[in-house]
Amino acid sequence: MIGVGATLMLLASYYGPGFHGNLTANGERFDSQAATAAHKSLPFGTRLRVCYKTCEVVRINDRGPYIHGRHLDLSEGTARRIGLIHSGIGQVKTTRLN
C-alpha cells in the first residue's frame, strides 16, 4: 500500500479505446477525458499526483490494470496531458495526496 505523502515510480499505461461510458468498479461511468485512474488496491477516491513529462492529479475510481507488471491505468485524457499518450506505457512518478 502507498502511504499518504509517499512517492513511488510505477509502471503506467492508459485505457485503450472502447471504455468511454462503461461502468467503473466504483459504479461511475468512465470518462476517457477525466483525471482518473485504476489501481489494484488503493481505495476509491485516493488522489495521486502522477508525473511523466508533466503532472496531473488523478482520482482512483476503478480497478486494474490487469496486465502483469503494470500498476496504474490512466484515462486517455490524463495520458495525453502528461505526455504518455505516444509511448502508451512508461514509468511515472506518483505521490499519494490523501
PDB file of N, CA and C in Angstrom:
ATOM      1  N   MET A   1       0.853  -1.180   0.000  1.00  0.00           N
ATOM      2  CA  MET A   1       0.000   0.000   0.000  1.00  0.00           C
ATOM      3  C   MET A   1       0.898   1.242   0.000  1.00  0.00           C
ATOM      4  N   ILE A   2       0.472   2.243  -0.687  1.00  0.00           N
ATOM      5  CA  ILE A   2       1.195   3.513  -0.776  1.00  0.00           C
ATOM      6  C   ILE A   2       0.670   4.423   0.329  1.00  0.00           C
ATOM      7  N   GLY A   3       1.546   4.832   1.248  1.00  0.00           N
ATOM      8  CA  GLY A   3       1.138   5.714   2.330  1.00  0.00           C
ATOM      9  C   GLY A   3       0.963   7.148   1.853  1.00  0.00           C
ATOM     10  N   VAL A   4       0.167   7.932   2.587  1.00  0.00           N
ATOM     11  CA  VAL A   4      -0.045   9.339   2.251  1.00  0.00           C
ATOM     12  C   VAL A   4       1.301  10.055   2.275  1.00  0.00           C
ATOM     13  N   GLY A   5       1.585  10.802   1.214  1.00  0.00           N
ATOM     14  CA  GLY A   5       2.839  11.527   1.083  1.00  0.00           C
ATOM     15  C   GLY A   5       3.955  10.721   0.439  1.00  0.00           C
ATOM     16  N   ALA A   6       3.749   9.420   0.301  1.00  0.00           N
ATOM     17  CA  ALA A   6       4.783   8.568  -0.300  1.00  0.00           C
ATOM     18  C   ALA A   6       4.887   8.822  -1.796  1.00  0.00           C
ATOM     19  N   THR A   7       6.110   8.751  -2.290  1.00  0.00           N
ATOM     20  CA  THR A   7       6.373   8.909  -3.723  1.00  0.00           C
ATOM     21  C   THR A   7       6.992   7.622  -4.247  1.00  0.00           C
ATOM     22  N   LEU A   8       6.412   7.098  -5.325  1.00  0.00           N
ATOM     23  CA  LEU A   8       6.887   5.853  -5.932  1.00  0.00           C
ATOM     24  C   LEU A   8       6.917   5.997  -7.446  1.00  0.00           C
ATOM     25  N   MET A   9       7.800   5.245  -8.073  1.00  0.00           N
ATOM     26  CA  MET A   9       7.792   5.101  -9.526  1.00  0.00           C
ATOM     27  C   MET A   9       6.950   3.868  -9.842  1.00  0.00           C
ATOM     28  N   LEU A  10       5.936   4.048 -10.683  1.00  0.00           N
ATOM     29  CA  LEU A  10       5.044   2.954 -11.056  1.00  0.00           C
ATOM     30  C   LEU A  10       4.979   2.833 -12.571  1.00  0.00           C
ATOM     31  N   LEU A  11       4.807   1.626 -13.056  1.00  0.00           N
ATOM     32  CA  LEU A  11       4.621   1.418 -14.483  1.00  0.00           C
ATOM     33  C   LEU A  11       3.151   1.667 -14.808  1.00  0.00           C
ATOM     34  N   ALA A  12       2.920   2.647 -15.677  1.00  0.00           N
ATOM     35  CA  ALA A  12       1.560   3.043 -16.022  1.00  0.00           C
ATOM     36  C   ALA A  12       1.297   2.871 -17.506  1.00  0.00           C
ATOM     37  N   SER A  13       0.038   2.653 -17.816  1.00  0.00           N
ATOM     38  CA  SER A  13      -0.447   2.621 -19.189  1.00  0.00           C
ATOM     39  C   SER A  13      -1.742   3.426 -19.181  1.00  0.00           C
ATOM     40  N   TYR A  14      -2.464   3.401 -20.294  1.00  0.00           N
ATOM     41  CA  TYR A  14      -3.757   4.071 -20.296  1.00  0.00           C
ATOM     42  C   TYR A  14      -4.805   3.190 -20.947  1.00  0.00           C
ATOM     43  N   TYR A  15      -6.074   3.472 -20.577  1.00  0.00           N
ATOM     44  CA  TYR A  15      -7.201   2.727 -21.130  1.00  0.00           C
ATOM     45  C   TYR A  15      -7.248   2.911 -22.636  1.00  0.00           C
ATOM     46  N   GLY A  16      -7.344   1.830 -23.354  1.00  0.00           N
ATOM     47  CA  GLY A  16      -7.488   1.903 -24.801  1.00  0.00           C
ATOM     48  C   GLY A  16      -8.890   2.338 -25.181  1.00  0.00           C
ATOM     49  N   PRO A  17      -9.141   2.456 -26.476  1.00  0.00           N
ATOM     50  CA  PRO A  17     -10.460   2.886 -26.930  1.00  0.00           C
ATOM     51  C   PRO A  17     -11.539   1.863 -26.570  1.00  0.00           C
ATOM     52  N   GLY A  18     -12.745   2.339 -26.464  1.00  0.00           N
ATOM     53  CA  GLY A  18     -13.873   1.446 -26.226  1.00  0.00           C
ATOM     54  C   GLY A  18     -14.365   1.390 -24.797  1.00  0.00           C
ATOM     55  N   PHE A  19     -13.724   2.081 -23.865  1.00  0.00           N
ATOM     56  CA  PHE A  19     -14.159   2.042 -22.472  1.00  0.00           C
ATOM     57  C   PHE A  19     -15.017   3.240 -22.075  1.00  0.00           C
ATOM     58  N   HIS A  20     -14.984   4.311 -22.858  1.00  0.00           N
ATOM     59  CA  HIS A  20     -15.731   5.528 -22.520  1.00  0.00           C
ATOM     60  C   HIS A  20     -17.210   5.188 -22.326  1.00  0.00           C
ATOM     61  N   GLY A  21     -17.749   5.596 -21.192  1.00  0.00           N
ATOM     62  CA  GLY A  21     -19.157   5.354 -20.884  1.00  0.00           C
ATOM     63  C   GLY A  21     -19.437   4.065 -20.144  1.00  0.00           C
ATOM     64  N   ASN A  22     -18.470   3.143 -20.107  1.00  0.00           N
ATOM     65  CA  ASN A  22     -18.659   1.901 -19.345  1.00  0.00           C
ATOM     66  C   ASN A  22     -18.644   2.195 -17.851  1.00  0.00           C
ATOM     67  N   LEU A  23     -19.226   1.306 -17.071  1.00  0.00           N
ATOM     68  CA  LEU A  23     -19.182   1.467 -15.621  1.00  0.00           C
ATOM     69  C   LEU A  23     -17.812   1.075 -15.090  1.00  0.00           C
ATOM     70  N   THR A  24     -17.290   1.886 -14.151  1.00  0.00           N
ATOM     71  CA  THR A  24     -16.042   1.554 -13.467  1.00  0.00           C
ATOM     72  C   THR A  24     -16.368   0.698 -12.250  1.00  0.00           C
ATOM     73  N   ALA A  25     -15.356   0.208 -11.583  1.00  0.00           N
ATOM     74  CA  ALA A  25     -15.544  -0.664 -10.415  1.00  0.00           C
ATOM     75  C   ALA A  25     -16.267   0.040  -9.271  1.00  0.00           C
ATOM     76  N   ASN A  26     -16.192   1.375  -9.219  1.00  0.00           N
ATOM     77  CA  ASN A  26     -16.909   2.071  -8.139  1.00  0.00           C
ATOM     78  C   ASN A  26     -18.306   2.505  -8.561  1.00  0.00           C
ATOM     79  N   GLY A  27     -18.741   2.133  -9.773  1.00  0.00           N
ATOM     80  CA  GLY A  27     -20.100   2.406 -10.222  1.00  0.00           C
ATOM     81  C   GLY A  27     -20.272   3.658 -11.062  1.00  0.00           C
ATOM     82  N   GLU A  28     -19.195   4.427 -11.254  1.00  0.00           N
ATOM     83  CA  GLU A  28     -19.267   5.630 -12.094  1.00  0.00           C
ATOM     84  C   GLU A  28     -19.192   5.249 -13.567  1.00  0.00           C
ATOM     85  N   ARG A  29     -19.660   6.139 -14.418  1.00  0.00           N
ATOM     86  CA  ARG A  29     -19.441   5.997 -15.854  1.00  0.00           C
ATOM     87  C   ARG A  29     -18.029   6.494 -16.151  1.00  0.00           C
ATOM     88  N   PHE A  30     -17.272   5.715 -16.915  1.00  0.00           N
ATOM     89  CA  PHE A  30     -15.911   6.094 -17.262  1.00  0.00           C
ATOM     90  C   PHE A  30     -15.922   7.234 -18.267  1.00  0.00           C
ATOM     91  N   ASP A  31     -15.178   8.283 -17.957  1.00  0.00           N
ATOM     92  CA  ASP A  31     -14.997   9.433 -18.849  1.00  0.00           C
ATOM     93  C   ASP A  31     -13.539   9.419 -19.289  1.00  0.00           C
ATOM     94  N   SER A  32     -13.308   9.151 -20.562  1.00  0.00           N
ATOM     95  CA  SER A  32     -11.939   8.995 -21.048  1.00  0.00           C
ATOM     96  C   SER A  32     -11.124  10.276 -20.978  1.00  0.00           C
ATOM     97  N   GLN A  33     -11.777  11.421 -20.750  1.00  0.00           N
ATOM     98  CA  GLN A  33     -11.047  12.691 -20.660  1.00  0.00           C
ATOM     99  C   GLN A  33     -10.875  13.177 -19.220  1.00  0.00           C
ATOM    100  N   ALA A  34     -11.494  12.505 -18.264  1.00  0.00           N
ATOM    101  CA  ALA A  34     -11.409  12.919 -16.858  1.00  0.00           C
ATOM    102  C   ALA A  34     -10.052  12.544 -16.267  1.00  0.00           C
ATOM    103  N   ALA A  35      -9.703  13.192 -15.178  1.00  0.00           N
ATOM    104  CA  ALA A  35      -8.441  12.930 -14.478  1.00  0.00           C
ATOM    105  C   ALA A  35      -8.661  11.790 -13.488  1.00  0.00           C
ATOM    106  N   THR A  36      -8.747  10.563 -14.040  1.00  0.00           N
ATOM    107  CA  THR A  36      -8.993   9.377 -13.224  1.00  0.00           C
ATOM    108  C   THR A  36      -8.017   8.270 -13.588  1.00  0.00           C
ATOM    109  N   ALA A  37      -7.980   7.252 -12.711  1.00  0.00           N
ATOM    110  CA  ALA A  37      -7.065   6.135 -12.928  1.00  0.00           C
ATOM    111  C   ALA A  37      -7.588   4.893 -12.224  1.00  0.00           C
ATOM    112  N   ALA A  38      -7.026   3.758 -12.631  1.00  0.00           N
ATOM    113  CA  ALA A  38      -7.323   2.477 -11.991  1.00  0.00           C
ATOM    114  C   ALA A  38      -6.074   1.971 -11.278  1.00  0.00           C
ATOM    115  N   HIS A  39      -6.282   1.393 -10.103  1.00  0.00           N
ATOM    116  CA  HIS A  39      -5.215   0.758  -9.336  1.00  0.00           C
ATOM    117  C   HIS A  39      -5.808  -0.493  -8.708  1.00  0.00           C
ATOM    118  N   LYS A  40      -4.991  -1.497  -8.492  1.00  0.00           N
ATOM    119  CA  LYS A  40      -5.492  -2.781  -7.992  1.00  0.00           C
ATOM    120  C   LYS A  40      -5.984  -2.726  -6.553  1.00  0.00           C
ATOM    121  N   SER A  41      -5.386  -1.876  -5.701  1.00  0.00           N
ATOM    122  CA  SER A  41      -5.739  -1.949  -4.283  1.00  0.00           C
ATOM    123  C   SER A  41      -5.963  -0.614  -3.581  1.00  0.00           C
ATOM    124  N   LEU A  42      -5.549   0.500  -4.144  1.00  0.00           N
ATOM    125  CA  LEU A  42      -5.779   1.776  -3.460  1.00  0.00           C
ATOM    126  C   LEU A  42      -7.274   2.039  -3.320  1.00  0.00           C
ATOM    127  N   PRO A  43      -7.698   2.623  -2.204  1.00  0.00           N
ATOM    128  CA  PRO A  43      -9.124   2.893  -2.017  1.00  0.00           C
ATOM    129  C   PRO A  43      -9.665   3.852  -3.092  1.00  0.00           C
ATOM    130  N   PHE A  44     -10.926   3.632  -3.473  1.00  0.00           N
ATOM    131  CA  PHE A  44     -11.573   4.570  -4.376  1.00  0.00           C
ATOM    132  C   PHE A  44     -11.543   5.959  -3.750  1.00  0.00           C
ATOM    133  N   GLY A  45     -11.316   6.963  -4.566  1.00  0.00           N
ATOM    134  CA  GLY A  45     -11.237   8.336  -4.075  1.00  0.00           C
ATOM    135  C   GLY A  45      -9.827   8.786  -3.740  1.00  0.00           C
ATOM    136  N   THR A  46      -8.876   7.853  -3.699  1.00  0.00           N
ATOM    137  CA  THR A  46      -7.482   8.226  -3.451  1.00  0.00           C
ATOM    138  C   THR A  46      -7.019   9.157  -4.565  1.00  0.00           C
ATOM    139  N   ARG A  47      -6.320  10.212  -4.178  1.00  0.00           N
ATOM    140  CA  ARG A  47      -5.774  11.153  -5.155  1.00  0.00           C
ATOM    141  C   ARG A  47      -4.266  10.957  -5.247  1.00  0.00           C
ATOM    142  N   LEU A  48      -3.792  10.859  -6.482  1.00  0.00           N
ATOM    143  CA  LEU A  48      -2.369  10.710  -6.757  1.00  0.00           C
ATOM    144  C   LEU A  48      -1.913  11.820  -7.684  1.00  0.00           C
ATOM    145  N   ARG A  49      -0.747  12.375  -7.391  1.00  0.00           N
ATOM    146  CA  ARG A  49      -0.089  13.263  -8.349  1.00  0.00           C
ATOM    147  C   ARG A  49       0.759  12.357  -9.228  1.00  0.00           C
ATOM    148  N   VAL A  50       0.485  12.375 -10.536  1.00  0.00           N
ATOM    149  CA  VAL A  50       1.148  11.487 -11.490  1.00  0.00           C
ATOM    150  C   VAL A  50       1.968  12.343 -12.448  1.00  0.00           C
ATOM    151  N   CYS A  51       3.281  12.058 -12.554  1.00  0.00           N
ATOM    152  CA  CYS A  51       4.179  12.866 -13.392  1.00  0.00           C
ATOM    153  C   CYS A  51       4.898  11.982 -14.404  1.00  0.00           C
ATOM    154  N   TYR A  52       4.922  12.454 -15.635  1.00  0.00           N
ATOM    155  CA  TYR A  52       5.702  11.835 -16.712  1.00  0.00           C
ATOM    156  C   TYR A  52       6.505  12.975 -17.339  1.00  0.00           C
ATOM    157  N   LYS A  53       6.013  13.616 -18.365  1.00  0.00           N
ATOM    158  CA  LYS A  53       6.652  14.846 -18.869  1.00  0.00           C
ATOM    159  C   LYS A  53       6.099  16.055 -18.129  1.00  0.00           C
ATOM    160  N   THR A  54       4.824  16.005 -17.795  1.00  0.00           N
ATOM    161  CA  THR A  54       4.174  16.987 -16.926  1.00  0.00           C
ATOM    162  C   THR A  54       3.397  16.201 -15.875  1.00  0.00           C
ATOM    163  N   CYS A  55       2.697  16.899 -15.002  1.00  0.00           N
ATOM    164  CA  CYS A  55       1.996  16.255 -13.894  1.00  0.00           C
ATOM    165  C   CYS A  55       0.505  16.554 -13.917  1.00  0.00           C
ATOM    166  N   GLU A  56      -0.248  15.639 -13.324  1.00  0.00           N
ATOM    167  CA  GLU A  56      -1.689  15.841 -13.140  1.00  0.00           C
ATOM    168  C   GLU A  56      -2.118  15.065 -11.904  1.00  0.00           C
ATOM    169  N   VAL A  57      -3.098  15.598 -11.186  1.00  0.00           N
ATOM    170  CA  VAL A  57      -3.679  14.894 -10.041  1.00  0.00           C
ATOM    171  C   VAL A  57      -4.851  14.066 -10.558  1.00  0.00           C
ATOM    172  N   VAL A  58      -4.823  12.767 -10.245  1.00  0.00           N
ATOM    173  CA  VAL A  58      -5.897  11.864 -10.660  1.00  0.00           C
ATOM    174  C   VAL A  58      -6.579  11.282  -9.433  1.00  0.00           C
ATOM    175  N   ARG A  59      -7.791  10.801  -9.648  1.00  0.00           N
ATOM    176  CA  ARG A  59      -8.575  10.149  -8.598  1.00  0.00           C
ATOM    177  C   ARG A  59      -8.778   8.687  -8.991  1.00  0.00           C
ATOM    178  N   ILE A  60      -8.536   7.784  -8.046  1.00  0.00           N
ATOM    179  CA  ILE A  60      -8.739   6.353  -8.298  1.00  0.00           C
ATOM    180  C   ILE A  60     -10.240   6.058  -8.266  1.00  0.00           C
ATOM    181  N   ASN A  61     -10.752   5.531  -9.394  1.00  0.00           N
ATOM    182  CA  ASN A  61     -12.172   5.188  -9.460  1.00  0.00           C
ATOM    183  C   ASN A  61     -12.420   3.817 -10.093  1.00  0.00           C
ATOM    184  N   ASP A  62     -11.348   3.052 -10.326  1.00  0.00           N
ATOM    185  CA  ASP A  62     -11.509   1.763 -10.985  1.00  0.00           C
ATOM    186  C   ASP A  62     -10.415   0.807 -10.526  1.00  0.00           C
ATOM    187  N   ARG A  63     -10.570  -0.457 -10.856  1.00  0.00           N
ATOM    188  CA  ARG A  63      -9.585  -1.490 -10.547  1.00  0.00           C
ATOM    189  C   ARG A  63      -8.841  -1.883 -11.810  1.00  0.00           C
ATOM    190  N   GLY A  64      -7.607  -2.279 -11.647  1.00  0.00           N
ATOM    191  CA  GLY A  64      -6.754  -2.659 -12.755  1.00  0.00           C
ATOM    192  C   GLY A  64      -5.403  -2.003 -12.531  1.00  0.00           C
ATOM    193  N   PRO A  65      -4.529  -2.062 -13.462  1.00  0.00           N
ATOM    194  CA  PRO A  65      -4.610  -2.781 -14.735  1.00  0.00           C
ATOM    195  C   PRO A  65      -4.461  -4.282 -14.520  1.00  0.00           C
ATOM    196  N   TYR A  66      -4.850  -5.044 -15.521  1.00  0.00           N
ATOM    197  CA  TYR A  66      -4.824  -6.495 -15.422  1.00  0.00           C
ATOM    198  C   TYR A  66      -3.754  -7.117 -16.312  1.00  0.00           C
ATOM    199  N   ILE A  67      -2.750  -6.336 -16.634  1.00  0.00           N
ATOM    200  CA  ILE A  67      -1.595  -6.840 -17.376  1.00  0.00           C
ATOM    201  C   ILE A  67      -0.429  -6.919 -16.405  1.00  0.00           C
ATOM    202  N   HIS A  68       0.202  -8.086 -16.323  1.00  0.00           N
ATOM    203  CA  HIS A  68       1.284  -8.321 -15.365  1.00  0.00           C
ATOM    204  C   HIS A  68       2.355  -7.228 -15.453  1.00  0.00           C
ATOM    205  N   GLY A  69       2.744  -6.721 -14.294  1.00  0.00           N
ATOM    206  CA  GLY A  69       3.817  -5.750 -14.208  1.00  0.00           C
ATOM    207  C   GLY A  69       3.356  -4.301 -14.240  1.00  0.00           C
ATOM    208  N   ARG A  70       2.140  -4.062 -14.692  1.00  0.00           N
ATOM    209  CA  ARG A  70       1.626  -2.683 -14.715  1.00  0.00           C
ATOM    210  C   ARG A  70       0.907  -2.388 -13.409  1.00  0.00           C
ATOM    211  N   HIS A  71       1.008  -1.128 -12.946  1.00  0.00           N
ATOM    212  CA  HIS A  71       0.466  -0.764 -11.639  1.00  0.00           C
ATOM    213  C   HIS A  71      -0.627   0.288 -11.699  1.00  0.00           C
ATOM    214  N   LEU A  72      -0.737   0.996 -12.803  1.00  0.00           N
ATOM    215  CA  LEU A  72      -1.684   2.106 -12.887  1.00  0.00           C
ATOM    216  C   LEU A  72      -2.186   2.203 -14.321  1.00  0.00           C
ATOM    217  N   ASP A  73      -3.510   2.337 -14.476  1.00  0.00           N
ATOM    218  CA  ASP A  73      -4.124   2.600 -15.779  1.00  0.00           C
ATOM    219  C   ASP A  73      -4.708   3.999 -15.722  1.00  0.00           C
ATOM    220  N   LEU A  74      -4.246   4.855 -16.595  1.00  0.00           N
ATOM    221  CA  LEU A  74      -4.698   6.246 -16.638  1.00  0.00           C
ATOM    222  C   LEU A  74      -5.778   6.417 -17.687  1.00  0.00           C
ATOM    223  N   SER A  75      -6.602   7.442 -17.519  1.00  0.00           N
ATOM    224  CA  SER A  75      -7.539   7.784 -18.586  1.00  0.00           C
ATOM    225  C   SER A  75      -6.741   8.288 -19.784  1.00  0.00           C
ATOM    226  N   GLU A  76      -7.340   8.203 -20.960  1.00  0.00           N
ATOM    227  CA  GLU A  76      -6.668   8.696 -22.164  1.00  0.00           C
ATOM    228  C   GLU A  76      -6.340  10.182 -22.043  1.00  0.00           C
ATOM    229  N   GLY A  77      -7.269  10.957 -21.470  1.00  0.00           N
ATOM    230  CA  GLY A  77      -7.031  12.394 -21.302  1.00  0.00           C
ATOM    231  C   GLY A  77      -5.832  12.683 -20.424  1.00  0.00           C
ATOM    232  N   THR A  78      -5.713  11.965 -19.320  1.00  0.00           N
ATOM    233  CA  THR A  78      -4.556  12.152 -18.439  1.00  0.00           C
ATOM    234  C   THR A  78      -3.278  11.748 -19.161  1.00  0.00           C
ATOM    235  N   ALA A  79      -3.305  10.616 -19.846  1.00  0.00           N
ATOM    236  CA  ALA A  79      -2.114  10.173 -20.592  1.00  0.00           C
ATOM    237  C   ALA A  79      -1.682  11.241 -21.595  1.00  0.00           C
ATOM    238  N   ARG A  80      -2.639  11.858 -22.258  1.00  0.00           N
ATOM    239  CA  ARG A  80      -2.321  12.909 -23.231  1.00  0.00           C
ATOM    240  C   ARG A  80      -1.732  14.139 -22.524  1.00  0.00           C
ATOM    241  N   ARG A  81      -2.369  14.539 -21.434  1.00  0.00           N
ATOM    242  CA  ARG A  81      -1.933  15.763 -20.752  1.00  0.00           C
ATOM    243  C   ARG A  81      -0.558  15.637 -20.095  1.00  0.00           C
ATOM    244  N   ILE A  82      -0.183  14.422 -19.668  1.00  0.00           N
ATOM    245  CA  ILE A  82       1.139  14.270 -19.036  1.00  0.00           C
ATOM    246  C   ILE A  82       2.211  13.821 -20.018  1.00  0.00           C
ATOM    247  N   GLY A  83       1.822  13.582 -21.276  1.00  0.00           N
ATOM    248  CA  GLY A  83       2.807  13.240 -22.305  1.00  0.00           C
ATOM    249  C   GLY A  83       3.066  11.758 -22.490  1.00  0.00           C
ATOM    250  N   LEU A  84       2.193  10.905 -21.970  1.00  0.00           N
ATOM    251  CA  LEU A  84       2.380   9.454 -22.059  1.00  0.00           C
ATOM    252  C   LEU A  84       1.668   8.842 -23.270  1.00  0.00           C
ATOM    253  N   ILE A  85       0.865   9.622 -23.958  1.00  0.00           N
ATOM    254  CA  ILE A  85      -0.014   9.081 -24.995  1.00  0.00           C
ATOM    255  C   ILE A  85       0.751   8.403 -26.131  1.00  0.00           C
ATOM    256  N   HIS A  86       1.889   8.916 -26.529  1.00  0.00           N
ATOM    257  CA  HIS A  86       2.600   8.353 -27.679  1.00  0.00           C
ATOM    258  C   HIS A  86       3.325   7.049 -27.336  1.00  0.00           C
ATOM    259  N   SER A  87       3.929   6.986 -26.159  1.00  0.00           N
ATOM    260  CA  SER A  87       4.608   5.740 -25.779  1.00  0.00           C
ATOM    261  C   SER A  87       3.606   4.693 -25.308  1.00  0.00           C
ATOM    262  N   GLY A  88       2.497   5.141 -24.715  1.00  0.00           N
ATOM    263  CA  GLY A  88       1.454   4.230 -24.271  1.00  0.00           C
ATOM    264  C   GLY A  88       1.707   3.566 -22.934  1.00  0.00           C
ATOM    265  N   ILE A  89       2.950   3.491 -22.534  1.00  0.00           N
ATOM    266  CA  ILE A  89       3.336   2.863 -21.270  1.00  0.00           C
ATOM    267  C   ILE A  89       4.632   3.513 -20.809  1.00  0.00           C
ATOM    268  N   GLY A  90       4.772   3.694 -19.509  1.00  0.00           N
ATOM    269  CA  GLY A  90       6.011   4.280 -19.009  1.00  0.00           C
ATOM    270  C   GLY A  90       6.030   4.356 -17.494  1.00  0.00           C
ATOM    271  N   GLN A  91       7.222   4.602 -16.978  1.00  0.00           N
ATOM    272  CA  GLN A  91       7.390   4.798 -15.535  1.00  0.00           C
ATOM    273  C   GLN A  91       6.936   6.196 -15.175  1.00  0.00           C
ATOM    274  N   VAL A  92       5.994   6.299 -14.264  1.00  0.00           N
ATOM    275  CA  VAL A  92       5.511   7.599 -13.809  1.00  0.00           C
ATOM    276  C   VAL A  92       5.845   7.769 -12.328  1.00  0.00           C
ATOM    277  N   LYS A  93       6.124   8.987 -11.957  1.00  0.00           N
ATOM    278  CA  LYS A  93       6.370   9.319 -10.557  1.00  0.00           C
ATOM    279  C   LYS A  93       5.015   9.639  -9.926  1.00  0.00           C
ATOM    280  N   THR A  94       4.660   8.916  -8.877  1.00  0.00           N
ATOM    281  CA  THR A  94       3.377   9.125  -8.222  1.00  0.00           C
ATOM    282  C   THR A  94       3.571   9.517  -6.768  1.00  0.00           C
ATOM    283  N   THR A  95       2.750  10.439  -6.325  1.00  0.00           N
ATOM    284  CA  THR A  95       2.732  10.849  -4.917  1.00  0.00           C
ATOM    285  C   THR A  95       1.305  10.754  -4.427  1.00  0.00           C
ATOM    286  N   ARG A  96       1.091  10.009  -3.351  1.00  0.00           N
ATOM    287  CA  ARG A  96      -0.259   9.901  -2.790  1.00  0.00           C
ATOM    288  C   ARG A  96      -0.565  11.164  -1.997  1.00  0.00           C
ATOM    289  N   LEU A  97      -1.699  11.798  -2.297  1.00  0.00           N
ATOM    290  CA  LEU A  97      -2.060  13.066  -1.692  1.00  0.00           C
ATOM    291  C   LEU A  97      -3.066  12.939  -0.533  1.00  0.00           C
ATOM    292  N   ASN A  98      -3.821  11.846  -0.484  1.00  0.00           N
ATOM    293  CA  ASN A  98      -4.773  11.680   0.632  1.00  0.00           C
ATOM    294  C   ASN A  98      -4.869  10.223   1.036  1.00  0.00           C
TER     295      ASN A  98
END
